[in-house]
Protein backbone atom coordinates (compact mmCIF):
# COMPACT_ATOMS: atom_id res chain seq x y z
CA MET A 1 36.09 -52.24 99.57
CA PRO A 2 38.13 -51.43 96.26
CA LEU A 3 36.16 -51.21 93.21
CA LEU A 4 36.96 -52.95 89.86
CA LEU A 5 35.18 -51.72 86.95
CA ASP A 6 34.59 -54.31 84.21
CA GLY A 7 35.25 -53.65 80.47
CA ASN A 8 31.90 -52.56 79.62
CA VAL A 9 32.01 -49.82 82.31
CA SER A 10 33.98 -46.75 81.01
CA ARG A 11 37.06 -46.10 82.81
CA TYR A 12 36.38 -42.41 82.55
CA LEU A 13 33.66 -43.11 85.07
CA LYS A 14 36.19 -43.41 87.88
CA SER A 15 36.66 -39.65 88.20
CA SER A 16 32.83 -39.21 88.57
CA LEU A 17 32.55 -42.12 91.12
CA ARG A 18 35.31 -40.88 93.39
CA ALA A 19 33.09 -38.12 94.55
CA TYR A 20 30.70 -40.88 95.99
CA TYR A 21 33.08 -43.55 96.72
CA GLN A 22 36.05 -43.45 99.17
CA GLY A 23 37.92 -46.58 98.45
CA GLU A 24 40.41 -47.46 95.52
CA ILE A 25 38.79 -47.44 92.15
CA ILE A 26 40.65 -49.12 89.06
CA SER A 27 39.56 -50.62 85.87
CA ILE A 28 40.29 -53.81 84.10
CA PHE A 29 42.11 -51.95 81.44
CA ASP A 30 44.38 -50.50 84.45
CA LEU A 31 45.43 -54.14 84.81
CA HIS A 32 45.54 -54.86 81.20
CA PHE A 33 42.91 -57.36 81.48
CA ASP A 34 40.78 -56.35 78.58
CA GLU A 35 41.53 -59.77 77.00
CA VAL A 36 40.87 -61.93 80.01
CA GLU A 37 37.98 -64.14 80.78
CA ASP A 38 35.17 -63.15 83.51
CA ALA A 39 35.99 -66.08 85.33
CA ASP A 40 39.51 -64.85 85.88
CA ILE A 41 38.25 -61.12 86.67
CA TRP A 42 36.40 -62.81 89.25
CA LYS A 43 39.17 -64.62 90.65
CA TYR A 44 41.54 -61.60 90.63
CA ALA A 45 38.51 -59.63 92.36
CA LYS A 46 38.30 -62.13 95.22
CA GLU A 47 42.11 -62.52 95.90
CA ASN A 48 42.57 -58.89 96.21
CA GLY A 49 39.43 -57.79 97.97
CA PHE A 50 37.55 -56.17 94.96
CA ASP A 51 34.00 -55.64 94.41
CA ILE A 52 32.92 -55.81 90.75
CA LEU A 53 30.94 -52.86 88.98
CA THR A 54 29.63 -54.42 85.57
CA LYS A 55 26.84 -54.40 83.16
CA ASP A 56 27.68 -57.99 82.15
CA SER A 57 25.10 -60.54 83.62
CA ASP A 58 27.71 -63.07 83.32
CA PHE A 59 28.87 -61.80 86.67
CA LEU A 60 25.47 -62.49 88.24
CA ASP A 61 25.75 -66.02 86.88
CA LEU A 62 29.26 -66.12 88.82
CA ALA A 63 28.01 -64.75 91.88
CA ALA A 64 24.95 -67.29 92.00
CA ARG A 65 27.38 -69.93 91.44
CA PHE A 66 30.17 -68.84 93.63
CA GLY A 67 28.57 -66.42 96.20
CA ALA A 68 30.37 -63.49 97.59
CA PRO A 69 33.02 -62.30 97.67
CA PRO A 70 33.35 -60.61 95.35
CA LYS A 71 30.26 -58.42 95.41
CA VAL A 72 28.99 -57.82 92.22
CA ILE A 73 27.49 -54.15 91.30
CA PHE A 74 25.10 -54.65 88.43
CA LEU A 75 24.06 -51.69 86.37
CA GLN A 76 21.28 -51.69 83.71
CA LYS A 77 19.03 -49.32 81.94
């Protein structure tokens, strides 16, 4: 499953993740989505088969409301 990095996850993490993740990895910045609402990012991920990697709990709310796909990978300290 391709992985979409949310804006709060460094796009520079892509190179490190490639050592562990075989699928496509893109950032919302690659798509010029830096000014796009979370719901629109969710819709894009769902329509294009991406999972979302984020630190934003708003995506957990979207997952609870709409269910998968997309899957949300939530990073926290």
